C-alpha atoms as a PDB file:
ATOM      1  CA  MET A   1      36.912  26.537 147.320  1.00  0.00           C
ATOM      2  CA  LEU A   2      33.779  27.571 144.931  1.00  0.00           C
ATOM      3  CA  ILE A   3      32.849  31.017 143.658  1.00  0.00           C
ATOM      4  CA  ARG A   4      29.525  31.797 142.956  1.00  0.00           C
ATOM      5  CA  LEU A   5      28.417  34.956 140.607  1.00  0.00           C
ATOM      6  CA  PHE A   6      24.576  35.853 141.018  1.00  0.00           C
ATOM      7  CA  ARG A   7      23.233  38.661 138.566  1.00  0.00           C
ATOM      8  CA  GLY A   8      19.918  40.238 138.774  1.00  0.00           C
ATOM      9  CA  ALA A   9      18.412  42.492 136.419  1.00  0.00           C
ATOM     10  CA  ILE A  10      16.312  45.017 138.075  1.00  0.00           C
ATOM     11  CA  ARG A  11      12.757  46.113 137.083  1.00  0.00           C
ATOM     12  CA  GLU A  12      12.407  49.680 136.336  1.00  0.00           C
ATOM     13  CA  GLY A  13      11.054  51.596 139.538  1.00  0.00           C
ATOM     14  CA  MET A  14      12.515  48.707 141.818  1.00  0.00           C
ATOM     15  CA  GLN A  15      16.013  49.852 142.078  1.00  0.00           C
ATOM     16  CA  ASP A  16      15.771  51.186 145.645  1.00  0.00           C
ATOM     17  CA  ARG A  17      13.614  48.656 146.931  1.00  0.00           C
ATOM     18  CA  MET A  18      15.637  45.835 145.553  1.00  0.00           C
ATOM     19  CA  VAL A  19      19.231  47.502 146.813  1.00  0.00           C
ATOM     20  CA  GLN A  20      17.768  48.231 150.264  1.00  0.00           C
ATOM     21  CA  GLY A  21      16.542  44.399 150.597  1.00  0.00           C
ATOM     22  CA  LEU A  22      19.803  43.235 149.515  1.00  0.00           C
ATOM     23  CA  HIS A  23      21.713  45.287 152.070  1.00  0.00           C
ATOM     24  CA  ASP A  24      19.307  44.529 154.748  1.00  0.00           C
ATOM     25  CA  HIS A  25      18.381  40.866 154.348  1.00  0.00           C
ATOM     26  CA  VAL A  26      20.514  39.140 151.748  1.00  0.00           C
ATOM     27  CA  LEU A  27      24.183  40.174 152.793  1.00  0.00           C
ATOM     28  CA  PRO A  28      23.629  39.993 156.453  1.00  0.00           C
ATOM     29  CA  ARG A  29      22.352  36.173 155.982  1.00  0.00           C
ATOM     30  CA  LEU A  30      25.287  35.184 153.793  1.00  0.00           C
ATOM     31  CA  ARG A  31      27.818  36.998 155.945  1.00  0.00           C
ATOM     32  CA  SER A  32      26.897  35.273 159.014  1.00  0.00           C
ATOM     33  CA  ASP A  33      27.512  31.831 157.484  1.00  0.00           C
ATOM     34  CA  PRO A  34      30.676  30.381 158.284  1.00  0.00           C
ATOM     35  CA  ALA A  35      30.932  28.656 155.105  1.00  0.00           C
ATOM     36  CA  VAL A  36      30.867  31.777 153.350  1.00  0.00           C
ATOM     37  CA  LEU A  37      34.718  32.962 153.005  1.00  0.00           C
ATOM     38  CA  ALA A  38      33.794  36.541 151.174  1.00  0.00           C
ATOM     39  CA  THR A  39      30.655  38.340 150.045  1.00  0.00           C
ATOM     40  CA  HIS A  40      30.991  41.248 147.710  1.00  0.00           C
ATOM     41  CA  LEU A  41      27.808  43.322 145.992  1.00  0.00           C
ATOM     42  CA  ALA A  42      28.493  45.316 143.048  1.00  0.00           C
ATOM     43  CA  PHE A  43      26.491  47.649 140.559  1.00  0.00           C
ATOM     44  CA  PRO A  44      27.483  48.961 137.137  1.00  0.00           C
ATOM     45  CA  LEU A  45      30.274  51.516 137.233  1.00  0.00           C
ATOM     46  CA  GLU A  46      28.588  54.187 134.867  1.00  0.00           C
ATOM     47  CA  ALA A  47      26.558  56.813 136.855  1.00  0.00           C
ATOM     48  CA  GLY A  48      22.604  56.816 137.494  1.00  0.00           C
ATOM     49  CA  VAL A  49      20.450  54.309 139.258  1.00  0.00           C
ATOM     50  CA  PRO A  50      21.799  50.664 138.952  1.00  0.00           C
ATOM     51  CA  ALA A  51      19.537  48.289 136.748  1.00  0.00           C
ATOM     52  CA  GLU A  52      21.426  45.158 137.652  1.00  0.00           C
ATOM     53  CA  TYR A  53      23.732  43.833 140.480  1.00  0.00           C
ATOM     54  CA  LEU A  54      26.519  41.367 140.842  1.00  0.00           C
ATOM     55  CA  LEU A  55      26.645  39.310 143.990  1.00  0.00           C
ATOM     56  CA  GLU A  56      29.877  37.450 144.378  1.00  0.00           C
ATOM     57  CA  THR A  57      29.967  34.854 147.251  1.00  0.00           C
ATOM     58  CA  ARG A  58      33.212  32.493 147.814  1.00  0.00           C
ATOM     59  CA  TRP A  59      32.207  29.229 149.869  1.00  0.00           C
ATOM     60  CA  ARG A  60      34.378  26.605 151.251  1.00  0.00           C
ATOM     61  CA  SER A  61      33.109  23.958 149.200  1.00  0.00           C
ATOM     62  CA  VAL A  62      30.288  22.746 146.904  1.00  0.00           C
ATOM     63  CA  ASP A  63      28.917  21.013 149.751  1.00  0.00           C
ATOM     64  CA  ASP A  64      28.666  23.987 151.923  1.00  0.00           C
ATOM     65  CA  LEU A  65      26.237  25.638 149.191  1.00  0.00           C
ATOM     66  CA  ILE A  66      24.148  22.675 148.788  1.00  0.00           C
ATOM     67  CA  ARG A  67      23.769  22.462 152.610  1.00  0.00           C
ATOM     68  CA  PHE A  68      22.660  26.410 152.381  1.00  0.00           C
ATOM     69  CA  ALA A  69      20.723  26.597 149.111  1.00  0.00           C
ATOM     70  CA  GLY A  70      19.535  22.773 148.858  1.00  0.00           C
ATOM     71  CA  ASP A  71      20.078  20.225 146.009  1.00  0.00           C
ATOM     72  CA  ASP A  72      18.785  22.703 143.391  1.00  0.00           C
ATOM     73  CA  TRP A  73      21.730  24.788 144.237  1.00  0.00           C
ATOM     74  CA  ARG A  74      22.610  25.375 140.585  1.00  0.00           C
ATOM     75  CA  THR A  75      19.189  27.163 140.008  1.00  0.00           C
ATOM     76  CA  PRO A  76      19.298  30.753 141.144  1.00  0.00           C
ATOM     77  CA  ARG A  77      16.416  31.664 143.826  1.00  0.00           C
ATOM     78  CA  VAL A  78      15.474  34.828 145.056  1.00  0.00           C
ATOM     79  CA  GLU A  79      13.369  35.636 148.439  1.00  0.00           C
ATOM     80  CA  PRO A  80       9.555  35.852 147.626  1.00  0.00           C
ATOM     81  CA  GLY A  81       9.678  39.959 148.161  1.00  0.00           C
ATOM     82  CA  GLU A  82      12.189  40.325 145.817  1.00  0.00           C
ATOM     83  CA  GLU A  83      10.399  38.282 142.737  1.00  0.00           C
ATOM     84  CA  GLU A  84       8.591  41.415 141.722  1.00  0.00           C
ATOM     85  CA  CYS A  85      11.684  43.497 141.605  1.00  0.00           C
ATOM     86  CA  LEU A  86      13.744  41.455 139.133  1.00  0.00           C
ATOM     87  CA  VAL A  87      13.047  40.926 135.623  1.00  0.00           C
ATOM     88  CA  SER A  88      15.626  38.003 135.339  1.00  0.00           C
ATOM     89  CA  VAL A  89      18.428  36.292 137.174  1.00  0.00           C
ATOM     90  CA  SER A  90      21.357  34.107 136.714  1.00  0.00           C
ATOM     91  CA  ALA A  91      24.100  32.229 138.371  1.00  0.00           C
ATOM     92  CA  LEU A  92      27.575  31.028 137.391  1.00  0.00           C
ATOM     93  CA  HIS A  93      29.846  28.749 139.514  1.00  0.00           C
ATOM     94  CA  PHE A  94      33.660  28.167 139.537  1.00  0.00           C
ATOM     95  CA  VAL A  95      35.610  25.766 141.384  1.00  0.00           C
ATOM     96  CA  THR A  96      39.179  26.472 142.377  1.00  0.00           C
ATOM     97  CA  ASP A  97      41.732  24.708 144.816  1.00  0.00           C
ATOM     98  CA  ASP A  98      43.554  27.969 145.404  1.00  0.00           C
ATOM     99  CA  ALA A  99      43.427  29.347 149.116  1.00  0.00           C
ATOM    100  CA  PRO A 100      41.469  32.639 149.610  1.00  0.00           C
ATOM    101  CA  PRO A 101      43.592  35.804 148.709  1.00  0.00           C
ATOM    102  CA  ILE A 102      45.302  37.305 151.325  1.00  0.00           C
ATOM    103  CA  ALA A 103      43.433  40.498 150.786  1.00  0.00           C
ATOM    104  CA  GLU A 104      40.270  38.726 151.700  1.00  0.00           C
ATOM    105  CA  THR A 105      41.396  38.291 155.357  1.00  0.00           C
ATOM    106  CA  ARG A 106      42.799  41.766 155.674  1.00  0.00           C
ATOM    107  CA  ALA A 107      39.697  43.817 155.092  1.00  0.00           C
ATOM    108  CA  TRP A 108      41.194  47.242 155.792  1.00  0.00           C
ATOM    109  CA  PRO A 109      44.537  49.374 154.606  1.00  0.00           C
ATOM    110  CA  THR A 110      47.601  49.535 156.796  1.00  0.00           C
ATOM    111  CA  PRO A 111      46.557  51.706 159.612  1.00  0.00           C
ATOM    112  CA  THR A 112      47.997  55.080 159.633  1.00  0.00           C
ATOM    113  CA  ASP A 113      48.098  58.383 161.334  1.00  0.00           C
ATOM    114  CA  VAL A 114      47.082  61.605 159.832  1.00  0.00           C
ATOM    115  CA  TRP A 115      46.631  65.133 161.333  1.00  0.00           C
ATOM    116  CA  LEU A 116      44.746  67.935 159.575  1.00  0.00           C
ATOM    117  CA  ASP A 117      45.246  71.137 161.471  1.00  0.00           C
ATOM    118  CA  ASP A 118      44.204  70.315 165.143  1.00  0.00           C
ATOM    119  CA  VAL A 119      42.120  67.125 164.041  1.00  0.00           C
ATOM    120  CA  GLY A 120      44.220  63.806 164.437  1.00  0.00           C
ATOM    121  CA  PHE A 121      43.100  60.622 162.857  1.00  0.00           C
ATOM    122  CA  ASP A 122      44.514  57.335 164.496  1.00  0.00           C
ATOM    123  CA  GLY A 123      44.277  54.577 162.127  1.00  0.00           C
ATOM    124  CA  ASP A 124      45.355  51.748 164.789  1.00  0.00           C
ATOM    125  CA  ALA A 125      42.823  53.028 167.345  1.00  0.00           C
ATOM    126  CA  ARG A 126      40.230  53.570 164.784  1.00  0.00           C
ATOM    127  CA  ARG A 127      39.759  57.372 166.390  1.00  0.00           C
ATOM    128  CA  VAL A 128      39.574  60.646 165.593  1.00  0.00           C
ATOM    129  CA  VAL A 129      40.833  63.264 168.255  1.00  0.00           C
ATOM    130  CA  TRP A 130      40.309  67.003 168.366  1.00  0.00           C
ATOM    131  CA  ASN A 131      40.420  69.606 171.420  1.00  0.00           C
ATOM    132  CA  GLY A 132      40.590  67.233 173.975  1.00  0.00           C
ATOM    133  CA  SER A 133      37.581  65.125 172.531  1.00  0.00           C
ATOM    134  CA  SER A 134      37.739  61.986 170.509  1.00  0.00           C
ATOM    135  CA  MET A 135      35.412  59.505 168.615  1.00  0.00           C
ATOM    136  CA  GLN A 136      35.925  55.716 167.588  1.00  0.00           C
ATOM    137  CA  PHE A 137      34.578  54.716 163.915  1.00  0.00           C
ATOM    138  CA  PRO A 138      33.663  51.735 162.408  1.00  0.00           C
ATOM    139  CA  PRO A 139      36.531  50.256 160.124  1.00  0.00           C
ATOM    140  CA  ARG A 140      35.082  50.735 156.685  1.00  0.00           C
ATOM    141  CA  GLU A 141      34.256  54.475 157.832  1.00  0.00           C
ATOM    142  CA  MET A 142      37.661  54.796 159.191  1.00  0.00           C
ATOM    143  CA  ALA A 143      39.420  53.522 156.257  1.00  0.00           C
ATOM    144  CA  ALA A 144      37.458  55.999 153.997  1.00  0.00           C
ATOM    145  CA  MET A 145      38.491  58.763 156.433  1.00  0.00           C
ATOM    146  CA  LEU A 146      42.143  57.961 156.480  1.00  0.00           C
ATOM    147  CA  VAL A 147      42.340  58.197 152.784  1.00  0.00           C
ATOM    148  CA  LEU A 148      40.360  61.310 152.438  1.00  0.00           C
ATOM    149  CA  ALA A 149      42.343  63.106 155.484  1.00  0.00           C
ATOM    150  CA  SER A 150      45.505  61.945 153.736  1.00  0.00           C
ATOM    151  CA  ARG A 151      44.418  64.205 150.797  1.00  0.00           C
ATOM    152  CA  ALA A 152      42.707  66.811 152.470  1.00  0.00           C
ATOM    153  CA  GLY A 153      41.281  69.432 150.111  1.00  0.00           C
ATOM    154  CA  THR A 154      41.502  67.155 146.995  1.00  0.00           C
ATOM    155  CA  PRO A 155      39.044  65.172 145.817  1.00  0.00           C
ATOM    156  CA  VAL A 156      39.209  61.427 145.648  1.00  0.00           C
ATOM    157  CA  PRO A 157      37.576  59.440 143.332  1.00  0.00           C
ATOM    158  CA  SER A 158      34.996  56.761 144.319  1.00  0.00           C
ATOM    159  CA  ALA A 159      36.922  53.995 142.536  1.00  0.00           C
ATOM    160  CA  GLU A 160      39.756  54.823 144.610  1.00  0.00           C
ATOM    161  CA  LEU A 161      38.089  54.773 147.985  1.00  0.00           C
ATOM    162  CA  ALA A 162      36.433  51.400 146.949  1.00  0.00           C
ATOM    163  CA  ARG A 163      40.120  49.900 146.567  1.00  0.00           C
ATOM    164  CA  ARG A 164      41.123  51.132 149.987  1.00  0.00           C
ATOM    165  CA  ILE A 165      37.749  50.245 151.901  1.00  0.00           C
ATOM    166  CA  TRP A 166      37.624  46.733 150.275  1.00  0.00           C
ATOM    167  CA  PRO A 167      41.423  46.150 149.203  1.00  0.00           C
ATOM    168  CA  GLY A 168      41.817  42.925 146.753  1.00  0.00           C
ATOM    169  CA  SER A 169      38.114  43.156 145.464  1.00  0.00           C
ATOM    170  CA  VAL A 170      36.955  44.242 142.211  1.00  0.00           C
ATOM    171  CA  LEU A 171      32.993  43.747 142.903  1.00  0.00           C
ATOM    172  CA  VAL A 172      32.199  46.830 144.506  1.00  0.00           C
ATOM    173  CA  GLY A 173      30.876  50.045 143.133  1.00  0.00           C
ATOM    174  CA  PRO A 174      29.937  53.618 143.549  1.00  0.00           C
ATOM    175  CA  TYR A 175      26.743  52.629 145.579  1.00  0.00           C
ATOM    176  CA  ASP A 176      28.783  50.885 148.192  1.00  0.00           C
ATOM    177  CA  VAL A 177      30.975  54.023 148.450  1.00  0.00           C
ATOM    178  CA  ARG A 178      28.107  56.075 148.884  1.00  0.00           C
ATOM    179  CA  ARG A 179      26.601  53.945 151.614  1.00  0.00           C
ATOM    180  CA  VAL A 180      30.006  54.030 153.482  1.00  0.00           C
ATOM    181  CA  ILE A 181      30.344  58.068 153.075  1.00  0.00           C
ATOM    182  CA  HIS A 182      26.670  58.452 154.187  1.00  0.00           C
ATOM    183  CA  ARG A 183      27.395  56.633 157.437  1.00  0.00           C
ATOM    184  CA  LEU A 184      30.578  58.394 157.816  1.00  0.00           C
ATOM    185  CA  ARG A 185      28.909  61.940 157.600  1.00  0.00           C
ATOM    186  CA  THR A 186      26.204  61.036 159.969  1.00  0.00           C
ATOM    187  CA  LEU A 187      28.880  59.851 162.533  1.00  0.00           C
ATOM    188  CA  VAL A 188      30.782  62.971 161.891  1.00  0.00           C
ATOM    189  CA  ARG A 189      27.895  65.428 162.416  1.00  0.00           C
ATOM    190  CA  SER A 190      26.585  63.358 165.530  1.00  0.00           C
ATOM    191  CA  GLY A 191      30.035  63.800 167.187  1.00  0.00           C
ATOM    192  CA  GLU A 192      30.513  67.184 166.131  1.00  0.00           C
ATOM    193  CA  VAL A 193      33.905  66.382 164.669  1.00  0.00           C
ATOM    194  CA  PRO A 194      35.237  69.738 163.218  1.00  0.00           C
ATOM    195  CA  ILE A 195      35.522  68.208 159.601  1.00  0.00           C
ATOM    196  CA  ASP A 196      33.491  68.295 156.602  1.00  0.00           C
ATOM    197  CA  ILE A 197      32.972  65.579 153.814  1.00  0.00           C
ATOM    198  CA  ARG A 198      31.375  66.773 150.494  1.00  0.00           C
ATOM    199  CA  ASN A 199      30.987  65.499 146.982  1.00  0.00           C
ATOM    200  CA  VAL A 200      32.579  67.329 144.053  1.00  0.00           C
ATOM    201  CA  HIS A 201      30.541  66.211 141.183  1.00  0.00           C
ATOM    202  CA  GLY A 202      32.260  64.307 138.713  1.00  0.00           C
ATOM    203  CA  HIS A 203      35.654  64.242 140.677  1.00  0.00           C
ATOM    204  CA  GLY A 204      34.723  62.271 143.898  1.00  0.00           C
ATOM    205  CA  TYR A 205      34.850  63.307 147.646  1.00  0.00           C
ATOM    206  CA  VAL A 206      36.887  65.711 149.723  1.00  0.00           C
ATOM    207  CA  LEU A 207      37.752  66.310 153.404  1.00  0.00           C
ATOM    208  CA  GLU A 208      38.088  69.696 154.584  1.00  0.00           C
ATOM    209  CA  PRO A 209      38.401  71.499 157.950  1.00  0.00           C
ATOM    210  CA  ALA A 210      34.753  72.700 159.209  1.00  0.00           C
ATOM    211  CA  ASP A 211      35.549  76.369 158.939  1.00  0.00           C
ATOM    212  CA  VAL A 212      35.640  76.420 155.302  1.00  0.00           C
ATOM    213  CA  PRO A 213      33.191  79.207 154.090  1.00  0.00           C
ATOM    214  CA  SER A 214      29.837  77.597 153.184  1.00  0.00           C
ATOM    215  CA  ALA A 215      29.567  79.349 149.887  1.00  0.00           C
ATOM    216  CA  GLU A 216      32.841  77.438 148.696  1.00  0.00           C
ATOM    217  CA  ARG A 217      31.068  74.162 149.653  1.00  0.00           C
ATOM    218  CA  GLY A 218      29.294  71.630 147.007  1.00  0.00           C
ATOM    219  CA  HIS A 219      26.376  69.504 147.537  1.00  0.00           C
ATOM    220  CA  SER A 220      26.092  66.004 148.037  1.00  0.00           C
END
């Protein structure tokens, strides 16, 4: 197995554009390749807009990476639209005979069932039920919601959510968690699920029943 660590330093003012391009174009391309065993995008843990990123990819073999990147695979390359967003790029490569960790083949935490008042969170079916209604959620959003629901009323730090959403990976950061939470909130609101998920500044995210008085709620 080949591990490739790609580091990019983002030019000032180009962070949002670069991050969007990574999620919309780079990651889908890598994750669709059958030779890529795992892909993780990470940003600095410190608060604020990221000034760099780290992209880890795990390949079945060096030959697979050469097929993907060409004979000059050791030299980091970026897409034409990314060049003006980056100050510098670098790449490191490591070869191991180990099989991929079990955690990489099990993307989500062990399914559990959680109840919050009259709202049920079914981890096996990735479904939320309430008052005769139900709604199914994607795996990552459901994994995050199960953690939050199991600790309803108590803020869960981003680092803890990252460990539960991406078990076994250290190359994820607050930005990745924010994207999952944003999608989860959008789904919850569109389905009129009677819960609220809010950000408690400096502490993490908290899930509460939707009837919590608005004056007590924070802002994301």
